[in-house]
Amino acid sequence: YAMGWFRQAPGKQRDMVAKISSSGSTHYADSVVGRF
């Protein structure tokens, strides 16, 4: 139904980086918009 990428730095929580639905709609974390 969807796939995504999350990341976790040492000592920090796991955060969403980007996700995409099976239909192709996407959502990005503000910190990676325009780069990822």
PDB file of all heavy atoms in Angstrom:
ATOM      1  N   TYR A   1       0.818  -1.198   0.000  1.00  0.00           N
ATOM      2  CA  TYR A   1       0.000   0.000   0.000  1.00  0.00           C
ATOM      3  C   TYR A   1       0.864   1.265   0.000  1.00  0.00           C
ATOM      4  O   TYR A   1       0.458   2.305  -0.518  1.00  0.00           O
ATOM      5  CB  TYR A   1      -0.941  -0.005   1.207  1.00  0.00           C
ATOM      6  CG  TYR A   1      -1.954  -1.115   1.134  1.00  0.00           C
ATOM      7  CD1 TYR A   1      -1.724  -2.339   1.742  1.00  0.00           C
ATOM      8  CD2 TYR A   1      -3.148  -0.946   0.432  1.00  0.00           C
ATOM      9  CE1 TYR A   1      -2.653  -3.368   1.666  1.00  0.00           C
ATOM     10  CE2 TYR A   1      -4.079  -1.982   0.351  1.00  0.00           C
ATOM     11  CZ  TYR A   1      -3.825  -3.183   0.965  1.00  0.00           C
ATOM     12  OH  TYR A   1      -4.737  -4.200   0.868  1.00  0.00           O
ATOM     13  N   ALA A   2       2.018   1.169   0.602  1.00  0.00           N
ATOM     14  CA  ALA A   2       2.949   2.302   0.647  1.00  0.00           C
ATOM     15  C   ALA A   2       4.326   1.785   1.024  1.00  0.00           C
ATOM     16  O   ALA A   2       4.463   0.702   1.620  1.00  0.00           O
ATOM     17  CB  ALA A   2       2.490   3.356   1.658  1.00  0.00           C
ATOM     18  N   MET A   3       5.335   2.556   0.662  1.00  0.00           N
ATOM     19  CA  MET A   3       6.696   2.269   1.111  1.00  0.00           C
ATOM     20  C   MET A   3       7.320   3.575   1.566  1.00  0.00           C
ATOM     21  O   MET A   3       6.876   4.671   1.175  1.00  0.00           O
ATOM     22  CB  MET A   3       7.531   1.630   0.006  1.00  0.00           C
ATOM     23  CG  MET A   3       7.008   0.278  -0.442  1.00  0.00           C
ATOM     24  SD  MET A   3       8.089  -0.603  -1.580  1.00  0.00           S
ATOM     25  CE  MET A   3       9.304  -1.282  -0.422  1.00  0.00           C
ATOM     26  N   GLY A   4       8.321   3.450   2.396  1.00  0.00           N
ATOM     27  CA  GLY A   4       8.919   4.674   2.917  1.00  0.00           C
ATOM     28  C   GLY A   4      10.324   4.453   3.407  1.00  0.00           C
ATOM     29  O   GLY A   4      10.814   3.321   3.480  1.00  0.00           O
ATOM     30  N   TRP A   5      10.961   5.545   3.739  1.00  0.00           N
ATOM     31  CA  TRP A   5      12.295   5.549   4.327  1.00  0.00           C
ATOM     32  C   TRP A   5      12.260   6.366   5.613  1.00  0.00           C
ATOM     33  O   TRP A   5      11.708   7.472   5.634  1.00  0.00           O
ATOM     34  CB  TRP A   5      13.320   6.143   3.362  1.00  0.00           C
ATOM     35  CG  TRP A   5      13.567   5.282   2.170  1.00  0.00           C
ATOM     36  CD1 TRP A   5      12.938   5.355   0.963  1.00  0.00           C
ATOM     37  CD2 TRP A   5      14.498   4.202   2.089  1.00  0.00           C
ATOM     38  NE1 TRP A   5      13.428   4.382   0.118  1.00  0.00           N
ATOM     39  CE2 TRP A   5      14.396   3.670   0.777  1.00  0.00           C
ATOM     40  CE3 TRP A   5      15.429   3.641   2.968  1.00  0.00           C
ATOM     41  CZ2 TRP A   5      15.177   2.591   0.354  1.00  0.00           C
ATOM     42  CZ3 TRP A   5      16.200   2.581   2.535  1.00  0.00           C
ATOM     43  CH2 TRP A   5      16.069   2.064   1.240  1.00  0.00           C
ATOM     44  N   PHE A   6      12.846   5.794   6.629  1.00  0.00           N
ATOM     45  CA  PHE A   6      12.980   6.446   7.920  1.00  0.00           C
ATOM     46  C   PHE A   6      14.468   6.442   8.272  1.00  0.00           C
ATOM     47  O   PHE A   6      15.241   5.674   7.702  1.00  0.00           O
ATOM     48  CB  PHE A   6      12.194   5.690   8.996  1.00  0.00           C
ATOM     49  CG  PHE A   6      10.701   5.742   8.814  1.00  0.00           C
ATOM     50  CD1 PHE A   6      10.085   5.082   7.764  1.00  0.00           C
ATOM     51  CD2 PHE A   6       9.905   6.443   9.704  1.00  0.00           C
ATOM     52  CE1 PHE A   6       8.699   5.131   7.596  1.00  0.00           C
ATOM     53  CE2 PHE A   6       8.526   6.491   9.554  1.00  0.00           C
ATOM     54  CZ  PHE A   6       7.925   5.836   8.501  1.00  0.00           C
ATOM     55  N   ARG A   7      14.854   7.293   9.204  1.00  0.00           N
ATOM     56  CA  ARG A   7      16.254   7.278   9.638  1.00  0.00           C
ATOM     57  C   ARG A   7      16.340   7.516  11.140  1.00  0.00           C
ATOM     58  O   ARG A   7      15.471   8.140  11.732  1.00  0.00           O
ATOM     59  CB  ARG A   7      17.073   8.327   8.889  1.00  0.00           C
ATOM     60  CG  ARG A   7      16.714   9.788   9.172  1.00  0.00           C
ATOM     61  CD  ARG A   7      17.485  10.708   8.237  1.00  0.00           C
ATOM     62  NE  ARG A   7      17.168  12.111   8.475  1.00  0.00           N
ATOM     63  CZ  ARG A   7      17.593  13.112   7.693  1.00  0.00           C
ATOM     64  NH1 ARG A   7      18.344  12.844   6.623  1.00  0.00           N
ATOM     65  NH2 ARG A   7      17.264  14.359   7.981  1.00  0.00           N
ATOM     66  N   GLN A   8      17.410   6.972  11.692  1.00  0.00           N
ATOM     67  CA  GLN A   8      17.631   7.104  13.125  1.00  0.00           C
ATOM     68  C   GLN A   8      19.099   7.376  13.378  1.00  0.00           C
ATOM     69  O   GLN A   8      19.953   6.544  13.054  1.00  0.00           O
ATOM     70  CB  GLN A   8      17.186   5.833  13.863  1.00  0.00           C
ATOM     71  CG  GLN A   8      17.217   5.958  15.364  1.00  0.00           C
ATOM     72  CD  GLN A   8      16.487   4.809  16.035  1.00  0.00           C
ATOM     73  OE1 GLN A   8      16.267   3.741  15.462  1.00  0.00           O
ATOM     74  NE2 GLN A   8      16.079   5.011  17.275  1.00  0.00           N
ATOM     75  N   ALA A   9      19.378   8.537  13.933  1.00  0.00           N
ATOM     76  CA  ALA A   9      20.734   8.902  14.326  1.00  0.00           C
ATOM     77  C   ALA A   9      20.964   8.438  15.760  1.00  0.00           C
ATOM     78  O   ALA A   9      20.004   8.258  16.519  1.00  0.00           O
ATOM     79  CB  ALA A   9      20.942  10.404  14.190  1.00  0.00           C
ATOM     80  N   PRO A  10      22.208   8.265  16.168  1.00  0.00           N
ATOM     81  CA  PRO A  10      22.488   7.812  17.534  1.00  0.00           C
ATOM     82  C   PRO A  10      21.848   8.717  18.577  1.00  0.00           C
ATOM     83  O   PRO A  10      21.975   9.944  18.518  1.00  0.00           O
ATOM     84  CB  PRO A  10      24.018   7.870  17.611  1.00  0.00           C
ATOM     85  CG  PRO A  10      24.465   7.690  16.208  1.00  0.00           C
ATOM     86  CD  PRO A  10      23.436   8.397  15.364  1.00  0.00           C
ATOM     87  N   GLY A  11      21.140   8.103  19.512  1.00  0.00           N
ATOM     88  CA  GLY A  11      20.513   8.852  20.585  1.00  0.00           C
ATOM     89  C   GLY A  11      19.254   9.587  20.213  1.00  0.00           C
ATOM     90  O   GLY A  11      18.707  10.335  21.030  1.00  0.00           O
ATOM     91  N   LYS A  12      18.791   9.394  18.984  1.00  0.00           N
ATOM     92  CA  LYS A  12      17.593  10.103  18.534  1.00  0.00           C
ATOM     93  C   LYS A  12      16.504   9.111  18.138  1.00  0.00           C
ATOM     94  O   LYS A  12      16.771   7.932  17.931  1.00  0.00           O
ATOM     95  CB  LYS A  12      17.928  11.031  17.368  1.00  0.00           C
ATOM     96  CG  LYS A  12      18.890  12.146  17.745  1.00  0.00           C
ATOM     97  CD  LYS A  12      19.020  13.148  16.626  1.00  0.00           C
ATOM     98  CE  LYS A  12      19.911  14.316  17.038  1.00  0.00           C
ATOM     99  NZ  LYS A  12      20.021  15.336  15.960  1.00  0.00           N
ATOM    100  N   GLN A  13      15.298   9.607  18.000  1.00  0.00           N
ATOM    101  CA  GLN A  13      14.197   8.746  17.593  1.00  0.00           C
ATOM    102  C   GLN A  13      14.239   8.503  16.093  1.00  0.00           C
ATOM    103  O   GLN A  13      14.922   9.190  15.357  1.00  0.00           O
ATOM    104  CB  GLN A  13      12.859   9.384  17.982  1.00  0.00           C
ATOM    105  CG  GLN A  13      12.540  10.659  17.221  1.00  0.00           C
ATOM    106  CD  GLN A  13      11.208  11.266  17.642  1.00  0.00           C
ATOM    107  OE1 GLN A  13      10.684  10.999  18.720  1.00  0.00           O
ATOM    108  NE2 GLN A  13      10.643  12.087  16.780  1.00  0.00           N
ATOM    109  N   ARG A  14      13.509   7.481  15.674  1.00  0.00           N
ATOM    110  CA  ARG A  14      13.410   7.178  14.254  1.00  0.00           C
ATOM    111  C   ARG A  14      12.382   8.118  13.622  1.00  0.00           C
ATOM    112  O   ARG A  14      11.234   8.189  14.061  1.00  0.00           O
ATOM    113  CB  ARG A  14      12.992   5.718  14.060  1.00  0.00           C
ATOM    114  CG  ARG A  14      13.038   5.244  12.628  1.00  0.00           C
ATOM    115  CD  ARG A  14      12.725   3.764  12.534  1.00  0.00           C
ATOM    116  NE  ARG A  14      13.678   2.948  13.281  1.00  0.00           N
ATOM    117  CZ  ARG A  14      13.690   1.614  13.231  1.00  0.00           C
ATOM    118  NH1 ARG A  14      12.819   0.962  12.476  1.00  0.00           N
ATOM    119  NH2 ARG A  14      14.563   0.946  13.949  1.00  0.00           N
ATOM    120  N   ASP A  15      12.796   8.818  12.584  1.00  0.00           N
ATOM    121  CA  ASP A  15      11.941   9.807  11.941  1.00  0.00           C
ATOM    122  C   ASP A  15      11.690   9.449  10.482  1.00  0.00           C
ATOM    123  O   ASP A  15      12.564   8.887   9.810  1.00  0.00           O
ATOM    124  CB  ASP A  15      12.579  11.198  11.991  1.00  0.00           C
ATOM    125  CG  ASP A  15      12.649  11.772  13.394  1.00  0.00           C
ATOM    126  OD1 ASP A  15      11.710  11.517  14.184  1.00  0.00           O
ATOM    127  OD2 ASP A  15      13.637  12.462  13.703  1.00  0.00           O
ATOM    128  N   MET A  16      10.552   9.828  10.005  1.00  0.00           N
ATOM    129  CA  MET A  16      10.213   9.631   8.595  1.00  0.00           C
ATOM    130  C   MET A  16      11.038  10.574   7.736  1.00  0.00           C
ATOM    131  O   MET A  16      11.164  11.765   8.038  1.00  0.00           O
ATOM    132  CB  MET A  16       8.721   9.876   8.375  1.00  0.00           C
ATOM    133  CG  MET A  16       8.182   9.475   7.007  1.00  0.00           C
ATOM    134  SD  MET A  16       8.378  10.743   5.732  1.00  0.00           S
ATOM    135  CE  MET A  16       7.274  12.017   6.332  1.00  0.00           C
ATOM    136  N   VAL A  17      11.575  10.043   6.652  1.00  0.00           N
ATOM    137  CA  VAL A  17      12.307  10.845   5.676  1.00  0.00           C
ATOM    138  C   VAL A  17      11.435  11.106   4.456  1.00  0.00           C
ATOM    139  O   VAL A  17      11.285  12.243   4.000  1.00  0.00           O
ATOM    140  CB  VAL A  17      13.604  10.137   5.249  1.00  0.00           C
ATOM    141  CG1 VAL A  17      14.310  10.916   4.145  1.00  0.00           C
ATOM    142  CG2 VAL A  17      14.522   9.930   6.447  1.00  0.00           C
ATOM    143  N   ALA A  18      10.862  10.039   3.928  1.00  0.00           N
ATOM    144  CA  ALA A  18      10.016  10.147   2.739  1.00  0.00           C
ATOM    145  C   ALA A  18       9.149   8.910   2.655  1.00  0.00           C
ATOM    146  O   ALA A  18       9.542   7.835   3.108  1.00  0.00           O
ATOM    147  CB  ALA A  18      10.861  10.279   1.478  1.00  0.00           C
ATOM    148  N   LYS A  19       7.967   9.076   2.081  1.00  0.00           N
ATOM    149  CA  LYS A  19       7.106   7.927   1.853  1.00  0.00           C
ATOM    150  C   LYS A  19       6.352   8.118   0.557  1.00  0.00           C
ATOM    151  O   LYS A  19       6.171   9.243   0.081  1.00  0.00           O
ATOM    152  CB  LYS A  19       6.153   7.703   3.018  1.00  0.00           C
ATOM    153  CG  LYS A  19       5.251   8.874   3.347  1.00  0.00           C
ATOM    154  CD  LYS A  19       4.410   8.554   4.588  1.00  0.00           C
ATOM    155  CE  LYS A  19       3.523   9.731   4.969  1.00  0.00           C
ATOM    156  NZ  LYS A  19       2.699   9.453   6.179  1.00  0.00           N
ATOM    157  N   ILE A  20       5.938   6.996  -0.006  1.00  0.00           N
ATOM    158  CA  ILE A  20       5.249   7.012  -1.288  1.00  0.00           C
ATOM    159  C   ILE A  20       4.161   5.954  -1.263  1.00  0.00           C
ATOM    160  O   ILE A  20       4.371   4.831  -0.804  1.00  0.00           O
ATOM    161  CB  ILE A  20       6.257   6.777  -2.446  1.00  0.00           C
ATOM    162  CG1 ILE A  20       5.575   6.911  -3.796  1.00  0.00           C
ATOM    163  CG2 ILE A  20       6.984   5.439  -2.313  1.00  0.00           C
ATOM    164  CD1 ILE A  20       6.567   6.998  -4.958  1.00  0.00           C
ATOM    165  N   SER A  21       3.002   6.316  -1.764  1.00  0.00           N
ATOM    166  CA  SER A  21       1.903   5.364  -1.813  1.00  0.00           C
ATOM    167  C   SER A  21       2.002   4.533  -3.088  1.00  0.00           C
ATOM    168  O   SER A  21       2.763   4.850  -4.006  1.00  0.00           O
ATOM    169  CB  SER A  21       0.570   6.103  -1.780  1.00  0.00           C
ATOM    170  OG  SER A  21       0.361   6.779  -3.013  1.00  0.00           O
ATOM    171  N   SER A  22       1.192   3.491  -3.154  1.00  0.00           N
ATOM    172  CA  SER A  22       1.195   2.646  -4.346  1.00  0.00           C
ATOM    173  C   SER A  22       0.728   3.412  -5.573  1.00  0.00           C
ATOM    174  O   SER A  22       1.040   3.038  -6.705  1.00  0.00           O
ATOM    175  CB  SER A  22       0.310   1.425  -4.120  1.00  0.00           C
ATOM    176  OG  SER A  22      -1.003   1.822  -3.766  1.00  0.00           O
ATOM    177  N   SER A  23      -0.007   4.508  -5.357  1.00  0.00           N
ATOM    178  CA  SER A  23      -0.463   5.338  -6.474  1.00  0.00           C
ATOM    179  C   SER A  23       0.565   6.382  -6.874  1.00  0.00           C
ATOM    180  O   SER A  23       0.383   7.080  -7.877  1.00  0.00           O
ATOM    181  CB  SER A  23      -1.777   6.035  -6.104  1.00  0.00           C
ATOM    182  OG  SER A  23      -1.574   6.935  -5.033  1.00  0.00           O
ATOM    183  N   GLY A  24       1.642   6.518  -6.070  1.00  0.00           N
ATOM    184  CA  GLY A  24       2.720   7.429  -6.429  1.00  0.00           C
ATOM    185  C   GLY A  24       2.732   8.750  -5.699  1.00  0.00           C
ATOM    186  O   GLY A  24       3.638   9.574  -5.925  1.00  0.00           O
ATOM    187  N   SER A  25       1.791   8.983  -4.815  1.00  0.00           N
ATOM    188  CA  SER A  25       1.811  10.237  -4.060  1.00  0.00           C
ATOM    189  C   SER A  25       2.922  10.189  -3.022  1.00  0.00           C
ATOM    190  O   SER A  25       3.161   9.147  -2.401  1.00  0.00           O
ATOM    191  CB  SER A  25       0.471  10.505  -3.398  1.00  0.00           C
ATOM    192  OG  SER A  25       0.158   9.503  -2.487  1.00  0.00           O
ATOM    193  N   THR A  26       3.597  11.303  -2.839  1.00  0.00           N
ATOM    194  CA  THR A  26       4.789  11.340  -1.994  1.00  0.00           C
ATOM    195  C   THR A  26       4.654  12.364  -0.869  1.00  0.00           C
ATOM    196  O   THR A  26       3.866  13.317  -0.948  1.00  0.00           O
ATOM    197  CB  THR A  26       6.041  11.686  -2.815  1.00  0.00           C
ATOM    198  OG1 THR A  26       5.840  12.954  -3.462  1.00  0.00           O
ATOM    199  CG2 THR A  26       6.316  10.630  -3.871  1.00  0.00           C
ATOM    200  N   HIS A  27       5.452  12.137   0.164  1.00  0.00           N
ATOM    201  CA  HIS A  27       5.519  13.075   1.282  1.00  0.00           C
ATOM    202  C   HIS A  27       6.938  13.038   1.810  1.00  0.00           C
ATOM    203  O   HIS A  27       7.527  11.963   1.937  1.00  0.00           O
ATOM    204  CB  HIS A  27       4.535  12.688   2.378  1.00  0.00           C
ATOM    205  CG  HIS A  27       4.545  13.633   3.535  1.00  0.00           C
ATOM    206  ND1 HIS A  27       4.021  14.901   3.468  1.00  0.00           N
ATOM    207  CD2 HIS A  27       5.048  13.496   4.780  1.00  0.00           C
ATOM    208  CE1 HIS A  27       4.193  15.502   4.629  1.00  0.00           C
ATOM    209  NE2 HIS A  27       4.804  14.682   5.446  1.00  0.00           N
ATOM    210  N   TYR A  28       7.488  14.233   2.103  1.00  0.00           N
ATOM    211  CA  TYR A  28       8.873  14.340   2.553  1.00  0.00           C
ATOM    212  C   TYR A  28       8.969  15.095   3.872  1.00  0.00           C
ATOM    213  O   TYR A  28       8.179  16.011   4.143  1.00  0.00           O
ATOM    214  CB  TYR A  28       9.710  15.092   1.510  1.00  0.00           C
ATOM    215  CG  TYR A  28       9.852  14.399   0.189  1.00  0.00           C
ATOM    216  CD1 TYR A  28       8.965  14.637  -0.852  1.00  0.00           C
ATOM    217  CD2 TYR A  28      10.891  13.487  -0.025  1.00  0.00           C
ATOM    218  CE1 TYR A  28       9.094  13.997  -2.074  1.00  0.00           C
ATOM    219  CE2 TYR A  28      11.037  12.840  -1.242  1.00  0.00           C
ATOM    220  CZ  TYR A  28      10.135  13.103  -2.257  1.00  0.00           C
ATOM    221  OH  TYR A  28      10.270  12.458  -3.469  1.00  0.00           O
ATOM    222  N   ALA A  29       9.968  14.749   4.636  1.00  0.00           N
ATOM    223  CA  ALA A  29      10.319  15.573   5.787  1.00  0.00           C
ATOM    224  C   ALA A  29      10.841  16.917   5.273  1.00  0.00           C
ATOM    225  O   ALA A  29      11.494  16.986   4.226  1.00  0.00           O
ATOM    226  CB  ALA A  29      11.392  14.884   6.622  1.00  0.00           C
ATOM    227  N   ASP A  30      10.553  17.979   6.026  1.00  0.00           N
ATOM    228  CA  ASP A  30      10.976  19.310   5.600  1.00  0.00           C
ATOM    229  C   ASP A  30      12.484  19.398   5.366  1.00  0.00           C
ATOM    230  O   ASP A  30      12.948  20.097   4.465  1.00  0.00           O
ATOM    231  CB  ASP A  30      10.564  20.348   6.654  1.00  0.00           C
ATOM    232  CG  ASP A  30       9.065  20.572   6.704  1.00  0.00           C
ATOM    233  OD1 ASP A  30       8.374  20.174   5.748  1.00  0.00           O
ATOM    234  OD2 ASP A  30       8.587  21.131   7.709  1.00  0.00           O
ATOM    235  N   SER A  31      13.242  18.666   6.161  1.00  0.00           N
ATOM    236  CA  SER A  31      14.702  18.769   6.100  1.00  0.00           C
ATOM    237  C   SER A  31      15.302  18.194   4.821  1.00  0.00           C
ATOM    238  O   SER A  31      16.476  18.451   4.525  1.00  0.00           O
ATOM    239  CB  SER A  31      15.319  18.054   7.304  1.00  0.00           C
ATOM    240  OG  SER A  31      14.961  16.687   7.311  1.00  0.00           O
ATOM    241  N   VAL A  32      14.521  17.427   4.054  1.00  0.00           N
ATOM    242  CA  VAL A  32      15.076  16.810   2.850  1.00  0.00           C
ATOM    243  C   VAL A  32      14.403  17.286   1.573  1.00  0.00           C
ATOM    244  O   VAL A  32      14.801  16.871   0.477  1.00  0.00           O
ATOM    245  CB  VAL A  32      15.012  15.266   2.934  1.00  0.00           C
ATOM    246  CG1 VAL A  32      15.666  14.766   4.216  1.00  0.00           C
ATOM    247  CG2 VAL A  32      13.580  14.757   2.810  1.00  0.00           C
ATOM    248  N   VAL A  33      13.415  18.140   1.705  1.00  0.00           N
ATOM    249  CA  VAL A  33      12.717  18.628   0.513  1.00  0.00           C
ATOM    250  C   VAL A  33      13.705  19.320  -0.429  1.00  0.00           C
ATOM    251  O   VAL A  33      14.521  20.135  -0.013  1.00  0.00           O
ATOM    252  CB  VAL A  33      11.589  19.600   0.917  1.00  0.00           C
ATOM    253  CG1 VAL A  33      11.034  20.321  -0.306  1.00  0.00           C
ATOM    254  CG2 VAL A  33      10.478  18.856   1.639  1.00  0.00           C
ATOM    255  N   GLY A  34      13.629  18.942  -1.687  1.00  0.00           N
ATOM    256  CA  GLY A  34      14.513  19.516  -2.692  1.00  0.00           C
ATOM    257  C   GLY A  34      15.836  18.809  -2.825  1.00  0.00           C
ATOM    258  O   GLY A  34      16.592  19.072  -3.768  1.00  0.00           O
ATOM    259  N   ARG A  35      16.143  17.916  -1.902  1.00  0.00           N
ATOM    260  CA  ARG A  35      17.414  17.172  -1.952  1.00  0.00           C
ATOM    261  C   ARG A  35      17.197  15.676  -2.162  1.00  0.00           C
ATOM    262  O   ARG A  35      17.999  15.025  -2.836  1.00  0.00           O
ATOM    263  CB  ARG A  35      18.197  17.390  -0.657  1.00  0.00           C
ATOM    264  CG  ARG A  35      18.542  18.835  -0.370  1.00  0.00           C
ATOM    265  CD  ARG A  35      19.497  18.951   0.815  1.00  0.00           C
ATOM    266  NE  ARG A  35      18.946  18.444   2.057  1.00  0.00           N
ATOM    267  CZ  ARG A  35      19.488  17.475   2.796  1.00  0.00           C
ATOM    268  NH1 ARG A  35      20.633  16.919   2.406  1.00  0.00           N
ATOM    269  NH2 ARG A  35      18.924  17.085   3.925  1.00  0.00           N
ATOM    270  N   PHE A  36      16.165  15.119  -1.587  1.00  0.00           N
ATOM    271  CA  PHE A  36      15.894  13.684  -1.680  1.00  0.00           C
ATOM    272  C   PHE A  36      14.670  13.447  -2.560  1.00  0.00           C
ATOM    273  O   PHE A  36      13.733  14.242  -2.566  1.00  0.00           O
ATOM    274  CB  PHE A  36      15.611  13.098  -0.301  1.00  0.00           C
ATOM    275  CG  PHE A  36      16.783  13.052   0.648  1.00  0.00           C
ATOM    276  CD1 PHE A  36      17.984  13.694   0.366  1.00  0.00           C
ATOM    277  CD2 PHE A  36      16.679  12.355   1.840  1.00  0.00           C
ATOM    278  CE1 PHE A  36      19.052  13.637   1.236  1.00  0.00           C
ATOM    279  CE2 PHE A  36      17.738  12.298   2.732  1.00  0.00           C
ATOM    280  CZ  PHE A  36      18.923  12.948   2.433  1.00  0.00           C
TER     281      PHE A  36
END
